[in-house]
Amino acid sequence: MKITVHAVGRMKAGPERELADRYFERFAKSGPAVGLEYAGLVEIAEGRAQTANERRREEGQKLQT
């Protein structure tokens, strides 16, 4: 099974990014042993709508494409 991580927003350089990269690398190495393949990370831009509900709807539509 292929696993792709979809995230809203872009992660900037720093400790959080380093930790995420480390875990993605570990998953890519250990996943195949249990039938999982790391297919990558997809980051989409945050919504720019005025209200939180509109932003969620906009971001949700981007995630579905």
C-alpha atoms as a PDB file:
ATOM      1  CA  MET A   1       0.000   0.000   0.000  1.00  0.00           C
ATOM      2  CA  LYS A   2       1.322   3.435  -0.910  1.00  0.00           C
ATOM      3  CA  ILE A   3       1.100   6.160   1.717  1.00  0.00           C
ATOM      4  CA  THR A   4       1.171   9.839   0.738  1.00  0.00           C
ATOM      5  CA  VAL A   5       1.098  12.614   3.339  1.00  0.00           C
ATOM      6  CA  HIS A   6      -1.005  15.622   2.298  1.00  0.00           C
ATOM      7  CA  ALA A   7      -0.456  18.775   4.352  1.00  0.00           C
ATOM      8  CA  VAL A   8      -1.931  22.269   4.325  1.00  0.00           C
ATOM      9  CA  GLY A   9       0.781  24.918   4.480  1.00  0.00           C
ATOM     10  CA  ARG A  10       4.477  24.753   3.844  1.00  0.00           C
ATOM     11  CA  MET A  11       6.874  23.643   6.549  1.00  0.00           C
ATOM     12  CA  LYS A  12       9.771  26.036   6.962  1.00  0.00           C
ATOM     13  CA  ALA A  13      13.330  25.012   7.673  1.00  0.00           C
ATOM     14  CA  GLY A  14      13.982  24.327  11.329  1.00  0.00           C
ATOM     15  CA  PRO A  15      13.671  21.671  13.992  1.00  0.00           C
ATOM     16  CA  GLU A  16      10.120  20.636  13.052  1.00  0.00           C
ATOM     17  CA  ARG A  17      11.101  20.161   9.413  1.00  0.00           C
ATOM     18  CA  GLU A  18      14.180  18.167  10.398  1.00  0.00           C
ATOM     19  CA  LEU A  19      12.095  15.916  12.649  1.00  0.00           C
ATOM     20  CA  ALA A  20       9.438  15.363   9.961  1.00  0.00           C
ATOM     21  CA  ASP A  21      12.105  14.558   7.365  1.00  0.00           C
ATOM     22  CA  ARG A  22      13.697  12.116   9.782  1.00  0.00           C
ATOM     23  CA  TYR A  23      10.406  10.277  10.353  1.00  0.00           C
ATOM     24  CA  PHE A  24       9.565  10.209   6.631  1.00  0.00           C
ATOM     25  CA  GLU A  25      13.004   8.735   5.953  1.00  0.00           C
ATOM     26  CA  ARG A  26      12.534   6.113   8.667  1.00  0.00           C
ATOM     27  CA  PHE A  27       9.106   5.237   7.284  1.00  0.00           C
ATOM     28  CA  ALA A  28      10.500   4.896   3.753  1.00  0.00           C
ATOM     29  CA  LYS A  29      13.111   2.425   5.058  1.00  0.00           C
ATOM     30  CA  SER A  30      10.959   0.373   7.440  1.00  0.00           C
ATOM     31  CA  GLY A  31       7.576   0.515   5.687  1.00  0.00           C
ATOM     32  CA  PRO A  32       8.234  -2.088   2.990  1.00  0.00           C
ATOM     33  CA  ALA A  33       8.771  -4.779   5.636  1.00  0.00           C
ATOM     34  CA  VAL A  34       5.099  -4.443   6.590  1.00  0.00           C
ATOM     35  CA  GLY A  35       3.769  -3.780   3.077  1.00  0.00           C
ATOM     36  CA  LEU A  36       3.783   0.026   3.160  1.00  0.00           C
ATOM     37  CA  GLU A  37       5.515   2.316   0.680  1.00  0.00           C
ATOM     38  CA  TYR A  38       6.143   6.006   1.351  1.00  0.00           C
ATOM     39  CA  ALA A  39       4.987   7.802  -1.790  1.00  0.00           C
ATOM     40  CA  GLY A  40       5.954  11.297  -0.659  1.00  0.00           C
ATOM     41  CA  LEU A  41       4.729  14.544   0.802  1.00  0.00           C
ATOM     42  CA  VAL A  42       2.287  16.906  -0.897  1.00  0.00           C
ATOM     43  CA  GLU A  43       2.055  20.414   0.551  1.00  0.00           C
ATOM     44  CA  ILE A  44      -0.694  22.776  -0.551  1.00  0.00           C
ATOM     45  CA  ALA A  45      -0.881  26.503   0.090  1.00  0.00           C
ATOM     46  CA  GLU A  46      -3.016  27.736   2.969  1.00  0.00           C
ATOM     47  CA  GLY A  47      -6.395  29.207   2.036  1.00  0.00           C
ATOM     48  CA  ARG A  48      -6.752  32.971   1.798  1.00  0.00           C
ATOM     49  CA  ALA A  49     -10.510  33.259   2.375  1.00  0.00           C
ATOM     50  CA  GLN A  50     -11.943  35.681   4.943  1.00  0.00           C
ATOM     51  CA  THR A  51     -13.560  33.161   7.306  1.00  0.00           C
ATOM     52  CA  ALA A  52     -12.296  29.923   8.794  1.00  0.00           C
ATOM     53  CA  ASN A  53     -15.144  27.940   7.202  1.00  0.00           C
ATOM     54  CA  GLU A  54     -14.349  29.327   3.760  1.00  0.00           C
ATOM     55  CA  ARG A  55     -10.635  28.568   4.245  1.00  0.00           C
ATOM     56  CA  ARG A  56     -11.412  24.982   5.277  1.00  0.00           C
ATOM     57  CA  ARG A  57     -13.658  24.523   2.250  1.00  0.00           C
ATOM     58  CA  GLU A  58     -11.006  25.967  -0.080  1.00  0.00           C
ATOM     59  CA  GLU A  59      -8.231  23.842   1.413  1.00  0.00           C
ATOM     60  CA  GLY A  60     -10.421  20.732   1.347  1.00  0.00           C
ATOM     61  CA  GLN A  61     -11.089  21.229  -2.356  1.00  0.00           C
ATOM     62  CA  LYS A  62      -7.346  21.540  -3.028  1.00  0.00           C
ATOM     63  CA  LEU A  63      -6.677  18.339  -1.071  1.00  0.00           C
ATOM     64  CA  GLN A  64      -9.229  16.431  -3.169  1.00  0.00           C
ATOM     65  CA  THR A  65      -7.535  17.249  -6.474  1.00  0.00           C
END
